[in-house]
Protein backbone atom coordinates (compact mmCIF):
# COMPACT_ATOMS: atom_id res chain seq x y z
CA MET A 1 0.00 0.00 0.00
CA ASN A 2 1.32 3.44 -0.91
CA GLU A 3 1.36 5.96 1.89
CA THR A 4 0.00 9.39 1.15
CA PRO A 5 0.52 12.43 3.37
CA GLU A 6 -3.02 11.96 4.68
CA ASP A 7 -2.38 8.31 5.66
CA ASN A 8 0.63 9.06 7.85
CA PRO A 9 0.91 12.73 8.84
CA PRO A 10 4.43 13.65 9.99
CA ALA A 11 4.99 15.34 13.34
CA PHE A 12 8.02 17.55 13.54
CA PRO A 13 10.70 17.89 14.78
CA PHE A 14 10.69 14.15 15.54
CA ALA A 15 10.02 12.74 12.08
CA ARG A 16 12.90 10.49 11.01
CA GLU A 17 11.82 9.83 7.46
CA TRP A 18 10.04 12.02 5.05
CA HIS A 19 8.79 11.04 1.62
CA GLN A 20 8.42 14.14 -0.51
CA ALA A 21 5.03 14.28 -2.18
CA ARG A 22 4.21 16.98 -4.67
CA ARG A 23 0.46 16.42 -4.73
CA GLY A 24 -2.20 16.84 -2.13
CA THR A 25 -2.13 18.51 1.23
CA TRP A 26 0.09 17.43 4.08
CA ARG A 27 -1.08 17.46 7.69
CA VAL A 28 1.46 18.16 10.43
CA ALA A 29 1.31 18.58 14.18
CA VAL A 30 3.33 21.27 15.93
CA ALA A 31 5.47 19.67 18.62
CA GLU A 32 7.42 22.61 20.05
CA ASP A 33 6.96 26.26 20.97
CA SER A 34 9.59 27.92 18.75
CA MET A 35 6.81 29.62 16.75
CA ALA A 36 4.76 30.82 19.75
CA PRO A 37 2.48 32.69 19.90
CA ALA A 38 1.60 32.23 16.18
CA LEU A 39 1.72 28.43 16.52
CA ALA A 40 1.53 26.33 19.65
CA PRO A 41 2.27 22.70 20.49
CA ASP A 42 -0.66 20.47 19.45
CA ASP A 43 -1.75 22.82 16.65
CA TRP A 44 -2.54 20.80 13.52
CA LEU A 45 -1.71 22.47 10.21
CA LEU A 46 -2.32 21.94 6.51
CA ILE A 47 0.80 22.27 4.38
CA ASP A 48 0.92 22.98 0.64
CA PRO A 49 3.81 20.81 -0.64
CA THR A 50 3.67 22.14 -4.21
CA CYS A 51 6.01 25.10 -3.62
CA ASP A 52 8.80 25.26 -6.20
CA ARG A 53 10.25 28.51 -4.82
CA TRP A 54 10.48 30.23 -1.45
CA PRO A 55 7.16 31.77 -0.33
CA ARG A 56 6.93 35.48 0.45
CA ARG A 57 8.60 37.00 3.50
CA GLY A 58 6.53 36.44 6.61
CA SER A 59 5.11 33.10 5.41
CA ILE A 60 5.43 30.05 7.66
CA VAL A 61 7.11 27.02 6.09
CA VAL A 62 7.95 23.42 6.95
CA PHE A 63 11.45 22.31 5.94
CA ARG A 64 14.14 19.75 6.70
CA GLU A 65 16.70 21.17 9.16
CA PRO A 66 20.16 21.25 7.55
CA ASP A 67 21.95 19.71 10.56
CA THR A 68 19.52 16.92 11.41
CA ASP A 69 17.19 16.40 8.43
CA LEU A 70 14.27 16.53 10.90
CA LEU A 71 11.14 18.46 9.94
CA ALA A 72 10.85 21.93 11.46
CA ILE A 73 8.62 24.96 11.04
CA LYS A 74 9.79 28.59 10.85
CA ARG A 75 8.94 31.92 9.26
CA VAL A 76 10.61 33.18 6.05
CA ALA A 77 12.58 36.27 7.14
CA ALA A 78 14.65 36.75 3.98
CA ARG A 79 14.42 35.32 0.47
CA PRO A 80 16.89 34.53 -2.30
CA GLY A 81 19.02 37.55 -3.19
CA ASP A 82 18.30 39.36 0.09
CA ARG A 83 21.02 40.53 2.45
CA VAL A 84 20.93 39.54 6.12
CA ARG A 85 22.86 41.36 8.84
CA ILE A 86 24.79 38.87 11.00
CA ALA A 87 27.55 39.31 13.58
CA ALA A 88 30.25 38.98 10.92
CA GLY A 89 28.66 41.59 8.61
CA LEU A 90 26.23 41.18 5.73
CA LEU A 91 25.32 37.79 4.30
CA HIS A 92 24.03 37.71 0.72
CA LEU A 93 21.59 34.84 0.17
CA ALA A 94 22.10 32.71 -2.95
CA ALA A 95 19.40 32.21 -5.59
CA ASP A 96 18.06 29.09 -3.83
CA GLU A 97 18.43 30.10 -0.14
CA ALA A 98 16.20 31.63 2.51
CA TRP A 99 16.76 32.87 6.07
CA LEU A 100 14.24 31.22 8.43
CA LEU A 101 13.48 32.39 11.97
CA GLY A 102 11.25 31.19 14.78
CA ASP A 103 8.87 33.72 16.32
CA ASN A 104 9.97 32.71 19.84
CA ALA A 105 13.64 33.71 19.54
CA ALA A 106 14.48 32.64 23.11
CA VAL A 107 13.96 28.93 22.30
CA SER A 108 14.12 28.72 18.50
CA LEU A 109 16.93 26.91 16.69
CA ASP A 110 16.85 28.54 13.28
CA SER A 111 19.00 30.25 10.63
CA ARG A 112 20.82 32.15 13.39
CA ARG A 113 22.28 28.76 14.33
CA TYR A 114 22.58 26.84 11.06
CA GLY A 115 22.62 29.60 8.47
CA PRO A 116 20.64 29.85 5.25
CA VAL A 117 18.32 27.01 4.22
CA SER A 118 18.37 25.61 0.68
CA LEU A 119 15.24 25.41 -1.47
CA ASP A 120 15.89 21.65 -1.67
CA ASP A 121 15.04 21.42 2.04
CA LEU A 122 11.64 23.15 1.67
CA VAL A 123 8.69 20.84 2.34
CA GLY A 124 5.89 23.36 1.91
CA ARG A 125 4.02 26.44 3.12
CA ALA A 126 1.71 26.23 6.15
CA TRP A 127 -1.60 27.83 5.19
CA PHE A 128 -4.35 26.63 7.55
CA ARG A 129 -4.70 25.52 11.20
CA TYR A 130 -7.54 23.02 11.65
CA SER A 131 -7.10 22.08 15.29
CA PRO A 132 -7.67 22.86 18.11
CA ALA A 133 -11.15 24.18 17.41
CA SER A 134 -10.52 27.39 19.34
CA ARG A 135 -7.64 28.29 16.96
CA ILE A 136 -9.03 27.21 13.55
CA GLY A 137 -8.21 29.56 10.72
CA THR A 138 -5.89 30.75 7.98
CA ILE A 139 -2.24 31.19 8.92
CA ARG A 140 -1.32 34.77 8.11
CA ARG A 141 1.99 36.22 7.07
CA ARG A 142 3.58 38.88 9.24
CA ALA A 143 6.54 41.18 8.89
CA VAL A 144 9.80 39.95 10.38
CA LYS A 145 13.27 41.50 10.55
CA PRO A 146 15.86 39.03 9.20
CA GLY A 147 18.74 40.22 11.37
CA ARG A 148 17.03 39.95 14.74
C-alpha cells in the first residue's frame, strides 16, 4: 500500500523519514513552541507541498533542518538575493536560499544557528490551522526583521 501524506501525517521535529510528495495537502502537528504565539504545540496544520520557490517574506514554512534532516517549522525572514545582517557583517543569500526564523527567539533553533536554508530542504508552506477548534483559521503572514 502506498502511503499518502493523509495516511501518515508527519509530526516535527521528531520525524525520522520524510517522503516528498508533490500532490495533495500534508497534515502536520506542531510539537514545540519555537513559533509561539503564532503556533503552539498540538496545533494541527495543513501544508501545501507544491512550492517550487520560497514563499513570500513572513510566510510560515515546513522544511528539513540542515543539521539533522528533521522536519521543522519557521517563518521566512529573507528570500533569495536578500542581504541579512549577521555578527560577521552582511550575508548575501544565494538564488536558492532563505533565512528562516522562529517567532519565539528565546527557544528557537533557526538560521541564526545553522545559516541559510536551501530550497531543496523546503517541504511546503503552512496555510491553515484546523485544530484545536478554538484556533481554527488561515495562517497569516507577518513582517519579520531578518537580522534579529
